[in-house]
Amino acid sequence: MPLNWKALYPQISRVAEAEVARLWRNAEQASAVADELIGGHAAQTDAEPTAPLSASDLQTALTWLGAAIRAWDAVLACYPESAPGRQAGAARRQRLQQALLALLRQSGSRGGK
């Protein structure tokens, strides 16, 4: 049975909007998990963390941070450069990337001691 493109074409924008909303929710969820796993560890750059992450917790946190960053990359690909949604998503991605780098620095300095 051939597709009825005249009937389907008007729905494309709604499908695209739904897909962007789904990607945004995925990025939000991955970010929330990553934030919960790292707690305040990545925010503490000069001070020692109160309870250092174990090796397995560190690996899990790094994995989720990477997943969250990739999820925001997928969201950013859906927006033009000047769109407010892209700016908000880019800010979230930047914060996660900074947390990832801070966590890697902390784990590296802990391992070198």
Protein backbone atom coordinates (compact mmCIF):
# COMPACT_ATOMS: atom_id res chain seq x y z
CA MET A 1 0.00 0.00 0.00
CA PRO A 2 1.58 3.34 -1.02
CA LEU A 3 2.01 6.08 1.55
CA ASN A 4 -0.39 9.01 1.40
CA TRP A 5 2.16 11.83 1.52
CA LYS A 6 -0.51 14.50 1.29
CA ALA A 7 -1.91 13.27 4.60
CA LEU A 8 1.50 12.64 6.23
CA TYR A 9 3.33 15.84 5.23
CA PRO A 10 1.45 18.19 7.63
CA GLN A 11 2.35 15.91 10.55
CA ILE A 12 6.11 16.04 10.01
CA SER A 13 6.63 19.17 12.12
CA ARG A 14 4.69 17.65 15.05
CA VAL A 15 6.72 14.46 14.81
CA ALA A 16 9.96 16.47 14.75
CA GLU A 17 8.86 18.54 17.77
CA ALA A 18 7.99 15.36 19.65
CA GLU A 19 11.40 13.89 18.84
CA VAL A 20 13.20 17.01 20.06
CA ALA A 21 11.13 16.92 23.26
CA ARG A 22 12.04 13.24 23.73
CA LEU A 23 15.75 14.00 23.24
CA TRP A 24 15.49 16.90 25.71
CA ARG A 25 13.85 14.63 28.34
CA ASN A 26 16.57 12.02 27.82
CA ALA A 27 19.26 14.65 28.31
CA GLU A 28 17.53 15.98 31.45
CA GLN A 29 17.27 12.47 32.90
CA ALA A 30 20.89 11.60 32.16
CA SER A 31 21.97 14.93 33.67
CA ALA A 32 19.94 14.28 36.82
CA VAL A 33 21.50 10.85 37.29
CA ALA A 34 25.00 12.26 36.70
CA ASP A 35 24.36 15.11 39.16
CA GLU A 36 23.15 12.68 41.79
CA LEU A 37 26.15 10.40 41.32
CA ILE A 38 28.75 13.15 41.57
CA GLY A 39 27.03 15.03 44.37
CA GLY A 40 29.27 17.94 45.31
CA HIS A 41 32.52 16.24 44.36
CA ALA A 42 33.07 17.90 41.00
CA ALA A 43 32.23 21.35 42.38
CA GLN A 44 35.02 21.19 44.94
CA THR A 45 38.16 22.14 43.08
CA ASP A 46 40.45 23.35 45.88
CA ALA A 47 39.05 21.52 48.90
CA GLU A 48 39.27 17.81 49.49
CA PRO A 49 35.95 16.04 48.98
CA THR A 50 34.30 14.98 52.21
CA ALA A 51 33.80 11.40 51.04
CA PRO A 52 35.89 10.48 48.00
CA LEU A 53 34.21 8.36 45.38
CA SER A 54 35.25 4.74 45.24
CA ALA A 55 36.76 3.48 42.00
CA SER A 56 33.48 1.87 40.92
CA ASP A 57 31.43 4.96 41.88
CA LEU A 58 33.88 7.13 39.98
CA GLN A 59 33.58 4.91 36.89
CA THR A 60 29.78 5.01 37.11
CA ALA A 61 29.75 8.80 37.54
CA LEU A 62 32.11 9.30 34.60
CA THR A 63 29.98 7.01 32.43
CA TRP A 64 26.79 8.93 33.25
CA LEU A 65 28.49 12.28 32.73
CA GLY A 66 29.61 11.11 29.30
CA ALA A 67 26.11 9.86 28.50
CA ALA A 68 24.58 13.17 29.59
CA ILE A 69 27.05 15.16 27.46
CA ARG A 70 26.28 13.00 24.42
CA ALA A 71 22.55 13.40 25.08
CA TRP A 72 22.90 17.19 25.10
CA ASP A 73 24.93 16.96 21.88
CA ALA A 74 21.93 15.21 20.28
CA VAL A 75 19.65 17.99 21.53
CA LEU A 76 21.95 20.73 20.26
CA ALA A 77 21.98 19.19 16.80
CA CYS A 78 18.25 19.91 16.55
CA TYR A 79 18.50 23.68 17.02
CA PRO A 80 19.93 26.50 14.91
CA GLU A 81 22.80 28.47 16.44
CA SER A 82 20.71 31.42 17.68
CA ALA A 83 17.77 29.47 19.13
CA PRO A 84 17.05 29.89 22.86
CA GLY A 85 16.72 26.12 23.23
CA ARG A 86 20.22 25.66 21.86
CA GLN A 87 21.62 28.26 24.23
CA ALA A 88 20.01 26.60 27.24
CA GLY A 89 21.15 23.16 26.13
CA ALA A 90 24.67 24.40 25.45
CA ALA A 91 24.85 25.89 28.94
CA ARG A 92 23.78 22.56 30.48
CA ARG A 93 26.29 20.66 28.35
CA GLN A 94 29.07 23.10 29.32
CA ARG A 95 28.29 22.66 33.03
CA LEU A 96 28.41 18.87 32.69
CA GLN A 97 31.67 19.03 30.77
CA GLN A 98 33.21 21.20 33.48
CA ALA A 99 32.00 18.74 36.14
CA LEU A 100 33.54 15.89 34.17
CA LEU A 101 36.89 17.67 33.93
CA ALA A 102 36.84 18.60 37.62
CA LEU A 103 36.06 15.01 38.60
CA LEU A 104 38.87 13.72 36.39
CA ARG A 105 41.29 16.23 37.95
CA GLN A 106 40.25 15.19 41.45
CA SER A 107 40.62 11.51 40.68
CA GLY A 108 44.01 12.15 39.08
CA SER A 109 45.29 14.16 42.04
CA ARG A 110 44.00 11.54 44.47
CA GLY A 111 45.68 8.77 42.52
CA GLY A 112 48.98 10.61 42.43
CA LYS A 113 49.15 11.09 46.22
